[in-house]
PDB file of N, CA and C in Angstrom:
ATOM      1  N   MET A   1       1.257 -30.744   3.991  1.00  0.00           N
ATOM      2  CA  MET A   1      -0.142 -31.726   4.082  1.00  0.00           C
ATOM      3  C   MET A   1      -0.301 -32.526   1.871  1.00  0.00           C
ATOM      4  N   ASN A   2      -0.129 -33.314   1.545  1.00  0.00           N
ATOM      5  CA  ASN A   2      -0.552 -33.105  -0.049  1.00  0.00           C
ATOM      6  C   ASN A   2      -1.052 -34.530  -0.287  1.00  0.00           C
ATOM      7  N   ASP A   3      -2.203 -35.304   0.393  1.00  0.00           N
ATOM      8  CA  ASP A   3      -2.804 -36.447   0.336  1.00  0.00           C
ATOM      9  C   ASP A   3      -3.494 -36.823  -0.898  1.00  0.00           C
ATOM     10  N   THR A   4      -4.094 -35.688  -1.777  1.00  0.00           N
ATOM     11  CA  THR A   4      -4.450 -35.547  -3.239  1.00  0.00           C
ATOM     12  C   THR A   4      -3.720 -36.537  -3.892  1.00  0.00           C
ATOM     13  N   PRO A   5      -4.225 -37.734  -4.770  1.00  0.00           N
ATOM     14  CA  PRO A   5      -4.109 -38.495  -5.545  1.00  0.00           C
ATOM     15  C   PRO A   5      -4.020 -37.438  -6.847  1.00  0.00           C
ATOM     16  N   GLU A   6      -2.612 -37.851  -7.345  1.00  0.00           N
ATOM     17  CA  GLU A   6      -2.734 -36.945  -8.818  1.00  0.00           C
ATOM     18  C   GLU A   6      -3.487 -36.967  -9.769  1.00  0.00           C
ATOM     19  N   HIS A   7      -4.322 -37.962 -10.201  1.00  0.00           N
ATOM     20  CA  HIS A   7      -4.865 -37.677 -11.087  1.00  0.00           C
ATOM     21  C   HIS A   7      -5.915 -37.107 -10.757  1.00  0.00           C
ATOM     22  N   VAL A   8      -6.478 -36.997  -9.807  1.00  0.00           N
ATOM     23  CA  VAL A   8      -7.658 -35.899  -9.229  1.00  0.00           C
ATOM     24  C   VAL A   8      -7.169 -34.587  -9.262  1.00  0.00           C
ATOM     25  N   TRP A   9      -5.687 -34.525  -8.727  1.00  0.00           N
ATOM     26  CA  TRP A   9      -5.146 -33.069  -8.714  1.00  0.00           C
ATOM     27  C   TRP A   9      -5.638 -32.738 -10.356  1.00  0.00           C
ATOM     28  N   GLN A  10      -5.140 -33.340 -11.014  1.00  0.00           N
ATOM     29  CA  GLN A  10      -5.123 -32.632 -12.517  1.00  0.00           C
ATOM     30  C   GLN A  10      -6.671 -32.974 -12.735  1.00  0.00           C
ATOM     31  N   LEU A  11      -7.541 -33.194 -12.565  1.00  0.00           N
ATOM     32  CA  LEU A  11      -9.305 -33.236 -12.521  1.00  0.00           C
ATOM     33  C   LEU A  11      -9.314 -31.499 -12.352  1.00  0.00           C
ATOM     34  N   TYR A  12      -9.057 -31.340 -10.884  1.00  0.00           N
ATOM     35  CA  TYR A  12      -9.341 -30.343 -10.851  1.00  0.00           C
ATOM     36  C   TYR A  12      -8.573 -29.036 -11.230  1.00  0.00           C
ATOM     37  N   LEU A  13      -6.918 -29.227 -11.694  1.00  0.00           N
ATOM     38  CA  LEU A  13      -6.549 -28.027 -12.749  1.00  0.00           C
ATOM     39  C   LEU A  13      -7.373 -28.514 -13.568  1.00  0.00           C
ATOM     40  N   ASP A  14      -7.883 -29.226 -14.625  1.00  0.00           N
ATOM     41  CA  ASP A  14      -7.908 -29.092 -15.544  1.00  0.00           C
ATOM     42  C   ASP A  14      -9.807 -28.268 -15.776  1.00  0.00           C
ATOM     43  N   PHE A  15     -10.616 -28.688 -14.579  1.00  0.00           N
ATOM     44  CA  PHE A  15     -11.609 -27.499 -14.362  1.00  0.00           C
ATOM     45  C   PHE A  15     -11.833 -26.164 -14.015  1.00  0.00           C
ATOM     46  N   PHE A  16     -10.310 -25.944 -13.316  1.00  0.00           N
ATOM     47  CA  PHE A  16      -9.846 -24.804 -12.792  1.00  0.00           C
ATOM     48  C   PHE A  16      -9.452 -24.308 -14.339  1.00  0.00           C
ATOM     49  N   ASN A  17      -8.870 -24.488 -14.887  1.00  0.00           N
ATOM     50  CA  ASN A  17      -8.161 -23.893 -15.957  1.00  0.00           C
ATOM     51  C   ASN A  17      -8.845 -23.218 -16.915  1.00  0.00           C
ATOM     52  N   LYS A  18     -10.474 -24.287 -17.021  1.00  0.00           N
ATOM     53  CA  LYS A  18     -11.031 -23.890 -17.813  1.00  0.00           C
ATOM     54  C   LYS A  18     -12.282 -22.720 -18.101  1.00  0.00           C
ATOM     55  N   LYS A  19     -12.139 -22.117 -16.752  1.00  0.00           N
ATOM     56  CA  LYS A  19     -12.840 -21.257 -15.834  1.00  0.00           C
ATOM     57  C   LYS A  19     -12.059 -19.711 -16.606  1.00  0.00           C
ATOM     58  N   PRO A  20     -13.315 -18.877 -16.875  1.00  0.00           N
ATOM     59  CA  PRO A  20     -12.305 -17.265 -17.205  1.00  0.00           C
ATOM     60  C   PRO A  20     -11.496 -16.740 -16.677  1.00  0.00           C
ATOM     61  N   ASP A  21     -10.792 -16.165 -16.710  1.00  0.00           N
ATOM     62  CA  ASP A  21      -9.456 -15.536 -15.888  1.00  0.00           C
ATOM     63  C   ASP A  21      -9.963 -14.799 -14.986  1.00  0.00           C
ATOM     64  N   ALA A  22     -11.090 -13.616 -15.234  1.00  0.00           N
ATOM     65  CA  ALA A  22     -11.971 -13.079 -14.055  1.00  0.00           C
ATOM     66  C   ALA A  22     -12.291 -14.292 -13.273  1.00  0.00           C
ATOM     67  N   GLU A  23     -13.306 -15.097 -13.342  1.00  0.00           N
ATOM     68  CA  GLU A  23     -13.612 -16.065 -12.485  1.00  0.00           C
ATOM     69  C   GLU A  23     -12.261 -17.111 -11.394  1.00  0.00           C
ATOM     70  N   ARG A  24     -11.257 -16.904 -12.126  1.00  0.00           N
ATOM     71  CA  ARG A  24     -10.493 -17.958 -11.685  1.00  0.00           C
ATOM     72  C   ARG A  24      -9.845 -16.873 -10.798  1.00  0.00           C
ATOM     73  N   PHE A  25      -9.895 -15.458 -10.884  1.00  0.00           N
ATOM     74  CA  PHE A  25      -8.992 -14.536  -9.935  1.00  0.00           C
ATOM     75  C   PHE A  25     -10.148 -14.443  -8.718  1.00  0.00           C
ATOM     76  N   LYS A  26     -11.068 -14.366  -8.901  1.00  0.00           N
ATOM     77  CA  LYS A  26     -12.572 -14.317  -8.379  1.00  0.00           C
ATOM     78  C   LYS A  26     -12.098 -15.173  -7.011  1.00  0.00           C
ATOM     79  N   ILE A  27     -12.176 -16.383  -7.726  1.00  0.00           N
ATOM     80  CA  ILE A  27     -11.611 -17.916  -7.157  1.00  0.00           C
ATOM     81  C   ILE A  27     -10.876 -17.984  -5.814  1.00  0.00           C
ATOM     82  N   GLY A  28      -9.280 -17.258  -6.796  1.00  0.00           N
ATOM     83  CA  GLY A  28      -7.788 -17.279  -5.969  1.00  0.00           C
ATOM     84  C   GLY A  28      -8.107 -16.382  -4.714  1.00  0.00           C
ATOM     85  N   PHE A  29      -8.927 -14.971  -5.105  1.00  0.00           N
ATOM     86  CA  PHE A  29      -9.137 -14.587  -3.996  1.00  0.00           C
ATOM     87  C   PHE A  29      -9.853 -14.676  -2.759  1.00  0.00           C
ATOM     88  N   GLU A  30     -11.298 -15.544  -3.128  1.00  0.00           N
ATOM     89  CA  GLU A  30     -12.023 -15.739  -2.166  1.00  0.00           C
ATOM     90  C   GLU A  30     -11.076 -17.108  -1.354  1.00  0.00           C
ATOM     91  N   MET A  31     -10.205 -17.555  -1.747  1.00  0.00           N
ATOM     92  CA  MET A  31      -9.426 -19.029  -0.924  1.00  0.00           C
ATOM     93  C   MET A  31      -8.964 -17.947  -0.387  1.00  0.00           C
ATOM     94  N   MET A  32      -8.044 -16.976  -0.624  1.00  0.00           N
ATOM     95  CA  MET A  32      -7.188 -16.406   0.145  1.00  0.00           C
ATOM     96  C   MET A  32      -8.241 -15.526   1.440  1.00  0.00           C
ATOM     97  N   LYS A  33      -8.899 -15.422   1.512  1.00  0.00           N
ATOM     98  CA  LYS A  33      -9.763 -14.658   2.114  1.00  0.00           C
ATOM     99  C   LYS A  33      -9.967 -15.845   3.076  1.00  0.00           C
ATOM    100  N   THR A  34     -10.478 -16.796   2.370  1.00  0.00           N
ATOM    101  CA  THR A  34     -10.769 -17.973   3.694  1.00  0.00           C
ATOM    102  C   THR A  34      -9.811 -18.303   4.504  1.00  0.00           C
ATOM    103  N   GLY A  35      -8.905 -18.221   3.986  1.00  0.00           N
ATOM    104  CA  GLY A  35      -7.368 -18.975   4.858  1.00  0.00           C
ATOM    105  C   GLY A  35      -6.823 -17.558   5.503  1.00  0.00           C
ATOM    106  N   ARG A  36      -6.898 -16.448   5.432  1.00  0.00           N
ATOM    107  CA  ARG A  36      -6.708 -15.619   6.176  1.00  0.00           C
ATOM    108  C   ARG A  36      -7.852 -15.519   7.480  1.00  0.00           C
ATOM    109  N   LYS A  37      -9.028 -15.616   7.105  1.00  0.00           N
ATOM    110  CA  LYS A  37      -9.789 -15.862   8.001  1.00  0.00           C
ATOM    111  C   LYS A  37      -9.567 -16.861   9.321  1.00  0.00           C
ATOM    112  N   MET A  38      -9.646 -18.029   8.689  1.00  0.00           N
ATOM    113  CA  MET A  38      -9.073 -19.536   9.410  1.00  0.00           C
ATOM    114  C   MET A  38      -7.805 -18.991  10.273  1.00  0.00           C
ATOM    115  N   VAL A  39      -6.811 -18.080   9.984  1.00  0.00           N
ATOM    116  CA  VAL A  39      -5.553 -17.793  10.881  1.00  0.00           C
ATOM    117  C   VAL A  39      -6.606 -16.948  11.628  1.00  0.00           C
ATOM    118  N   GLU A  40      -6.720 -16.079  11.027  1.00  0.00           N
ATOM    119  CA  GLU A  40      -6.764 -14.970  12.558  1.00  0.00           C
ATOM    120  C   GLU A  40      -8.238 -15.501  13.337  1.00  0.00           C
ATOM    121  N   THR A  41      -8.978 -16.731  13.071  1.00  0.00           N
ATOM    122  CA  THR A  41      -9.806 -17.209  14.088  1.00  0.00           C
ATOM    123  C   THR A  41      -8.992 -18.326  15.127  1.00  0.00           C
ATOM    124  N   ALA A  42      -7.984 -18.905  14.459  1.00  0.00           N
ATOM    125  CA  ALA A  42      -6.992 -19.537  15.849  1.00  0.00           C
ATOM    126  C   ALA A  42      -6.460 -18.608  16.341  1.00  0.00           C
ATOM    127  N   LEU A  43      -5.357 -17.666  15.880  1.00  0.00           N
ATOM    128  CA  LEU A  43      -4.649 -16.359  16.727  1.00  0.00           C
ATOM    129  C   LEU A  43      -5.639 -16.350  17.616  1.00  0.00           C
ATOM    130  N   ARG A  44      -6.653 -15.584  16.955  1.00  0.00           N
ATOM    131  CA  ARG A  44      -7.830 -15.172  17.986  1.00  0.00           C
ATOM    132  C   ARG A  44      -8.160 -15.903  19.434  1.00  0.00           C
ATOM    133  N   GLN A  45      -8.565 -17.058  18.974  1.00  0.00           N
ATOM    134  CA  GLN A  45      -8.695 -18.365  20.379  1.00  0.00           C
ATOM    135  C   GLN A  45      -7.209 -18.422  20.997  1.00  0.00           C
ATOM    136  N   GLN A  46      -6.147 -18.888  20.484  1.00  0.00           N
ATOM    137  CA  GLN A  46      -5.026 -18.840  20.931  1.00  0.00           C
ATOM    138  C   GLN A  46      -4.415 -17.440  21.972  1.00  0.00           C
ATOM    139  N   HIS A  47      -4.847 -16.278  21.493  1.00  0.00           N
ATOM    140  CA  HIS A  47      -4.338 -15.237  22.249  1.00  0.00           C
ATOM    141  C   HIS A  47      -5.595 -14.346  22.036  1.00  0.00           C
ATOM    142  N   PRO A  48      -6.429 -14.705  23.235  1.00  0.00           N
ATOM    143  CA  PRO A  48      -7.667 -13.408  23.404  1.00  0.00           C
ATOM    144  C   PRO A  48      -7.033 -12.523  23.787  1.00  0.00           C
ATOM    145  N   GLU A  49      -6.093 -11.682  24.373  1.00  0.00           N
ATOM    146  CA  GLU A  49      -5.915 -11.055  24.836  1.00  0.00           C
ATOM    147  C   GLU A  49      -5.294  -9.669  23.901  1.00  0.00           C
ATOM    148  N   TRP A  50      -5.158 -10.545  22.489  1.00  0.00           N
ATOM    149  CA  TRP A  50      -4.331  -9.638  21.687  1.00  0.00           C
ATOM    150  C   TRP A  50      -5.487  -8.157  21.289  1.00  0.00           C
ATOM    151  N   SER A  51      -4.570  -7.202  21.182  1.00  0.00           N
ATOM    152  CA  SER A  51      -5.458  -6.501  20.677  1.00  0.00           C
ATOM    153  C   SER A  51      -5.616  -6.044  18.734  1.00  0.00           C
ATOM    154  N   ALA A  52      -6.574  -5.598  18.233  1.00  0.00           N
ATOM    155  CA  ALA A  52      -6.699  -5.789  16.739  1.00  0.00           C
ATOM    156  C   ALA A  52      -5.575  -5.547  15.988  1.00  0.00           C
ATOM    157  N   ALA A  53      -4.555  -4.883  16.475  1.00  0.00           N
ATOM    158  CA  ALA A  53      -3.238  -4.522  15.767  1.00  0.00           C
ATOM    159  C   ALA A  53      -2.270  -5.424  15.837  1.00  0.00           C
ATOM    160  N   GLU A  54      -2.406  -6.167  17.301  1.00  0.00           N
ATOM    161  CA  GLU A  54      -1.560  -7.507  17.143  1.00  0.00           C
ATOM    162  C   GLU A  54      -2.262  -8.847  16.443  1.00  0.00           C
ATOM    163  N   LEU A  55      -3.329  -8.724  16.817  1.00  0.00           N
ATOM    164  CA  LEU A  55      -4.177  -9.798  15.960  1.00  0.00           C
ATOM    165  C   LEU A  55      -3.592  -9.766  14.151  1.00  0.00           C
ATOM    166  N   LYS A  56      -4.096  -8.612  13.784  1.00  0.00           N
ATOM    167  CA  LYS A  56      -3.476  -8.127  12.306  1.00  0.00           C
ATOM    168  C   LYS A  56      -1.767  -8.562  11.961  1.00  0.00           C
ATOM    169  N   VAL A  57      -1.015  -8.525  13.306  1.00  0.00           N
ATOM    170  CA  VAL A  57       0.437  -8.559  12.766  1.00  0.00           C
ATOM    171  C   VAL A  57       0.896  -9.891  12.901  1.00  0.00           C
ATOM    172  N   GLY A  58       0.066 -10.311  14.004  1.00  0.00           N
ATOM    173  CA  GLY A  58       0.288 -12.061  13.848  1.00  0.00           C
ATOM    174  C   GLY A  58      -0.816 -12.851  12.737  1.00  0.00           C
ATOM    175  N   VAL A  59      -1.518 -12.528  12.373  1.00  0.00           N
ATOM    176  CA  VAL A  59      -1.928 -12.734  10.830  1.00  0.00           C
ATOM    177  C   VAL A  59      -0.883 -12.938   9.908  1.00  0.00           C
ATOM    178  N   PHE A  60      -0.122 -11.319   9.910  1.00  0.00           N
ATOM    179  CA  PHE A  60       0.614 -11.456   8.475  1.00  0.00           C
ATOM    180  C   PHE A  60       1.692 -12.011   8.827  1.00  0.00           C
ATOM    181  N   LYS A  61       2.310 -12.155  10.126  1.00  0.00           N
ATOM    182  CA  LYS A  61       3.801 -13.112  10.065  1.00  0.00           C
ATOM    183  C   LYS A  61       2.962 -14.445   9.453  1.00  0.00           C
ATOM    184  N   ARG A  62       1.639 -14.750   9.863  1.00  0.00           N
ATOM    185  CA  ARG A  62       1.484 -16.125  10.070  1.00  0.00           C
ATOM    186  C   ARG A  62       1.376 -16.461   8.266  1.00  0.00           C
ATOM    187  N   MET A  63       1.297 -15.728   7.815  1.00  0.00           N
ATOM    188  CA  MET A  63       0.578 -15.698   5.878  1.00  0.00           C
ATOM    189  C   MET A  63       1.919 -15.371   5.395  1.00  0.00           C
ATOM    190  N   TYR A  64       2.823 -14.619   5.654  1.00  0.00           N
ATOM    191  CA  TYR A  64       3.812 -14.138   5.166  1.00  0.00           C
ATOM    192  C   TYR A  64       5.070 -14.822   5.406  1.00  0.00           C
ATOM    193  N   ARG A  65       4.921 -15.759   6.392  1.00  0.00           N
ATOM    194  CA  ARG A  65       6.353 -16.121   7.237  1.00  0.00           C
ATOM    195  C   ARG A  65       7.620 -16.433   6.029  1.00  0.00           C
ATOM    196  N   PRO A  66       6.914 -17.041   5.024  1.00  0.00           N
ATOM    197  CA  PRO A  66       7.590 -17.912   3.863  1.00  0.00           C
ATOM    198  C   PRO A  66       7.898 -16.666   2.656  1.00  0.00           C
ATOM    199  N   ASP A  67       7.429 -15.461   2.758  1.00  0.00           N
ATOM    200  CA  ASP A  67       7.999 -14.713   1.792  1.00  0.00           C
ATOM    201  C   ASP A  67       9.561 -13.533   2.837  1.00  0.00           C
ATOM    202  N   PHE A  68       9.237 -13.446   3.754  1.00  0.00           N
ATOM    203  CA  PHE A  68      10.385 -12.389   4.309  1.00  0.00           C
ATOM    204  C   PHE A  68      11.038 -13.513   5.940  1.00  0.00           C
ATOM    205  N   THR A  69      12.370 -12.950   5.780  1.00  0.00           N
ATOM    206  CA  THR A  69      12.981 -13.366   7.034  1.00  0.00           C
ATOM    207  C   THR A  69      12.591 -12.867   7.906  1.00  0.00           C
ATOM    208  N   PRO A  70      12.913 -13.690   9.472  1.00  0.00           N
ATOM    209  CA  PRO A  70      12.018 -13.742  10.756  1.00  0.00           C
ATOM    210  C   PRO A  70      12.847 -12.376  10.847  1.00  0.00           C
ATOM    211  N   GLU A  71      13.624 -11.642  10.450  1.00  0.00           N
ATOM    212  CA  GLU A  71      14.041  -9.920  11.150  1.00  0.00           C
ATOM    213  C   GLU A  71      13.103  -9.354   9.754  1.00  0.00           C
ATOM    214  N   GLN A  72      13.207  -9.719   8.895  1.00  0.00           N
ATOM    215  CA  GLN A  72      12.236  -8.442   8.428  1.00  0.00           C
ATOM    216  C   GLN A  72      10.487  -8.706   9.129  1.00  0.00           C
ATOM    217  N   LEU A  73      10.501  -9.708   9.636  1.00  0.00           N
ATOM    218  CA  LEU A  73       8.459 -10.044   9.552  1.00  0.00           C
ATOM    219  C   LEU A  73       9.033  -9.078  10.697  1.00  0.00           C
ATOM    220  N   GLU A  74       9.806  -9.008  12.071  1.00  0.00           N
ATOM    221  CA  GLU A  74       9.783  -8.218  13.199  1.00  0.00           C
ATOM    222  C   GLU A  74       9.679  -6.952  12.689  1.00  0.00           C
ATOM    223  N   ILE A  75      11.019  -6.320  11.536  1.00  0.00           N
ATOM    224  CA  ILE A  75      10.783  -4.976  11.332  1.00  0.00           C
ATOM    225  C   ILE A  75       9.143  -4.097  10.877  1.00  0.00           C
ATOM    226  N   ILE A  76       8.416  -5.092   9.824  1.00  0.00           N
ATOM    227  CA  ILE A  76       7.709  -4.959   9.992  1.00  0.00           C
ATOM    228  C   ILE A  76       6.735  -4.832  10.829  1.00  0.00           C
ATOM    229  N   ALA A  77       6.429  -5.788  11.695  1.00  0.00           N
ATOM    230  CA  ALA A  77       5.094  -5.668  12.740  1.00  0.00           C
ATOM    231  C   ALA A  77       5.855  -4.730  13.429  1.00  0.00           C
ATOM    232  N   GLU A  78       7.081  -4.121  14.029  1.00  0.00           N
ATOM    233  CA  GLU A  78       6.955  -3.170  14.753  1.00  0.00           C
ATOM    234  C   GLU A  78       6.943  -2.033  14.367  1.00  0.00           C
ATOM    235  N   SER A  79       6.948  -2.026  12.877  1.00  0.00           N
ATOM    236  CA  SER A  79       6.706  -0.718  12.207  1.00  0.00           C
ATOM    237  C   SER A  79       5.268  -0.546  12.595  1.00  0.00           C
ATOM    238  N   TYR A  80       4.543  -1.626  11.980  1.00  0.00           N
ATOM    239  CA  TYR A  80       3.306  -1.553  12.126  1.00  0.00           C
ATOM    240  C   TYR A  80       2.261  -1.158  13.412  1.00  0.00           C
ATOM    241  N   LEU A  81       2.693  -1.499  14.190  1.00  0.00           N
ATOM    242  CA  LEU A  81       2.032  -1.540  15.585  1.00  0.00           C
ATOM    243  C   LEU A  81       2.465   0.184  15.975  1.00  0.00           C
ATOM    244  N   LYS A  82       3.965   0.594  16.034  1.00  0.00           N
ATOM    245  CA  LYS A  82       4.237   1.731  16.523  1.00  0.00           C
ATOM    246  C   LYS A  82       3.453   2.868  15.752  1.00  0.00           C
ATOM    247  N   THR A  83       2.530   2.962  14.159  1.00  0.00           N
ATOM    248  CA  THR A  83       1.917   3.319  13.620  1.00  0.00           C
ATOM    249  C   THR A  83       0.132   3.149  14.097  1.00  0.00           C
ATOM    250  N   GLN A  84      -0.133   2.227  14.244  1.00  0.00           N
ATOM    251  CA  GLN A  84      -1.291   1.949  15.499  1.00  0.00           C
ATOM    252  C   GLN A  84      -1.173   2.933  16.958  1.00  0.00           C
ATOM    253  N   ASN A  85       0.115   2.811  17.309  1.00  0.00           N
ATOM    254  CA  ASN A  85      -0.267   3.371  19.339  1.00  0.00           C
ATOM    255  C   ASN A  85       0.128   4.436  18.779  1.00  0.00           C
ATOM    256  N   HIS A  86      -0.316   5.185  18.181  1.00  0.00           N
ATOM    257  CA  HIS A  86      -0.025   6.944  17.712  1.00  0.00           C
ATOM    258  C   HIS A  86      -1.366   7.249  17.511  1.00  0.00           C
TER     259      HIS A  86
END
């Protein structure tokens, strides 16, 4: 969903691009951390029975599903869960 007018988006980009690289990196990292926490909270509410490992896998799948095929996601998830069960 993108309901931000183009001129407002451009103002934001101009503001952001004027910041030093280190600050932009820090802002981006904090945004990623916040997004991950939001996903974790939503999954915890939907699946209160999940273990910590299952929750971590759920967050991974939600965050990285555009980057991997469903088959790759399952392989990674199964591999991680196996390492947590030992």
